[in-house]
Amino acid sequence: LAERMRMKAVEESPKQAHRYAELAEFYIDQDEPEKAWPPAKKASELEPGSARYLELSLETAILLGDSEEAKERFQKLRLLIEDQSRFQSWKKKIDELEK
């Protein structure tokens, strides 16, 4: 039911990034990052200047083990925020994917 409600919200508001982000977060909470990736990516595409949505897509890429996508999103995110501790955490996770 919760999944259907979020999918319906996306269908009714296909240009609202927060609806896609809500759906992606739902899937992440359900430990289904493969289902979270399309809406996480879409949210960051709809609002490319949003650090929140870019961070969501970065975290999803890391959960999926996609180091190339994670690195690309990491570089974009570095242009939007200046929190060095968060960068170090993401960098460490990305580096671990490449081992």
Protein backbone atom coordinates (compact mmCIF):
# COMPACT_ATOMS: atom_id res chain seq x y z
CA LEU A 1 0.00 0.00 0.00
CA ALA A 2 2.77 2.47 0.91
CA GLU A 3 4.60 1.68 -2.32
CA ARG A 4 1.42 2.11 -4.40
CA MET A 5 0.68 5.46 -2.77
CA ARG A 6 4.17 6.77 -3.56
CA MET A 7 4.02 5.46 -7.14
CA LYS A 8 0.63 7.11 -7.60
CA ALA A 9 2.07 10.40 -6.30
CA VAL A 10 4.88 10.15 -8.87
CA GLU A 11 2.39 9.42 -11.66
CA GLU A 12 0.21 12.38 -10.67
CA SER A 13 3.17 14.78 -10.31
CA PRO A 14 5.79 13.57 -12.80
CA LYS A 15 7.75 16.84 -12.70
CA GLN A 16 8.07 17.08 -8.91
CA ALA A 17 11.47 15.82 -7.79
CA HIS A 18 10.40 15.35 -4.18
CA ARG A 19 7.88 12.70 -5.21
CA TYR A 20 10.64 10.65 -6.87
CA ALA A 21 12.89 11.18 -3.85
CA GLU A 22 10.16 9.92 -1.51
CA LEU A 23 9.78 6.78 -3.63
CA ALA A 24 13.55 6.22 -3.71
CA GLU A 25 13.82 6.68 0.06
CA PHE A 26 10.98 4.20 0.55
CA TYR A 27 12.85 1.57 -1.48
CA ILE A 28 16.09 2.24 0.37
CA ASP A 29 14.25 1.81 3.67
CA GLN A 30 12.94 -1.50 2.29
CA ASP A 31 16.52 -2.54 1.42
CA GLU A 32 15.76 -2.48 -2.32
CA PRO A 33 18.38 -0.13 -3.80
CA GLU A 34 17.88 -1.57 -7.29
CA LYS A 35 14.30 -0.26 -7.21
CA ALA A 36 15.46 3.02 -5.61
CA TRP A 37 17.90 3.88 -8.39
CA PRO A 38 15.47 5.02 -11.15
CA PRO A 39 13.50 7.43 -8.94
CA ALA A 40 16.67 8.68 -7.17
CA LYS A 41 18.27 9.40 -10.53
CA LYS A 42 15.12 11.08 -11.82
CA ALA A 43 14.88 13.36 -8.76
CA SER A 44 18.46 14.52 -9.29
CA GLU A 45 17.80 15.07 -13.00
CA LEU A 46 14.67 17.14 -12.34
CA GLU A 47 16.54 19.35 -9.87
CA PRO A 48 20.24 19.12 -10.76
CA GLY A 49 21.12 21.93 -8.35
CA SER A 50 19.69 20.07 -5.37
CA ALA A 51 22.38 18.68 -3.10
CA ARG A 52 19.73 16.61 -1.30
CA TYR A 53 18.67 14.72 -4.42
CA LEU A 54 22.22 14.35 -5.67
CA GLU A 55 23.24 12.94 -2.30
CA LEU A 56 20.32 10.50 -2.44
CA SER A 57 21.40 9.28 -5.88
CA LEU A 58 25.03 9.04 -4.71
CA GLU A 59 24.06 6.93 -1.71
CA THR A 60 21.90 4.72 -3.94
CA ALA A 61 24.75 4.21 -6.42
CA ILE A 62 27.02 3.21 -3.51
CA LEU A 63 24.43 0.75 -2.22
CA LEU A 64 24.25 -0.76 -5.71
CA GLY A 65 28.03 -1.03 -5.89
CA ASP A 66 28.19 1.19 -9.00
CA SER A 67 31.52 2.94 -8.50
CA GLU A 68 31.44 4.82 -11.84
CA GLU A 69 28.03 6.35 -11.17
CA ALA A 70 29.00 7.07 -7.56
CA LYS A 71 32.20 8.86 -8.65
CA GLU A 72 30.31 10.95 -11.18
CA ARG A 73 27.72 12.03 -8.61
CA PHE A 74 30.40 12.61 -5.98
CA GLN A 75 32.15 15.08 -8.31
CA LYS A 76 28.91 16.95 -8.99
CA LEU A 77 28.07 17.09 -5.30
CA ARG A 78 31.48 18.58 -4.47
CA LEU A 79 30.41 21.65 -6.44
CA LEU A 80 27.25 22.09 -4.36
CA ILE A 81 28.32 21.63 -0.75
CA GLU A 82 31.43 22.15 1.34
CA ASP A 83 31.07 19.60 4.14
CA GLN A 84 34.49 17.93 4.14
CA SER A 85 33.53 15.24 6.67
CA ARG A 86 30.71 14.04 4.42
CA PHE A 87 33.04 14.05 1.41
CA GLN A 88 35.55 11.91 3.26
CA SER A 89 32.81 9.43 4.20
CA TRP A 90 31.56 9.15 0.60
CA LYS A 91 35.09 8.95 -0.78
CA LYS A 92 35.87 6.09 1.58
CA LYS A 93 32.72 4.22 0.50
CA ILE A 94 33.55 4.75 -3.18
CA ASP A 95 37.14 3.61 -2.65
CA GLU A 96 35.85 0.45 -0.96
CA LEU A 97 33.70 -0.31 -4.02
CA GLU A 98 36.78 -0.28 -6.21
CA LYS A 99 38.68 -2.91 -4.23
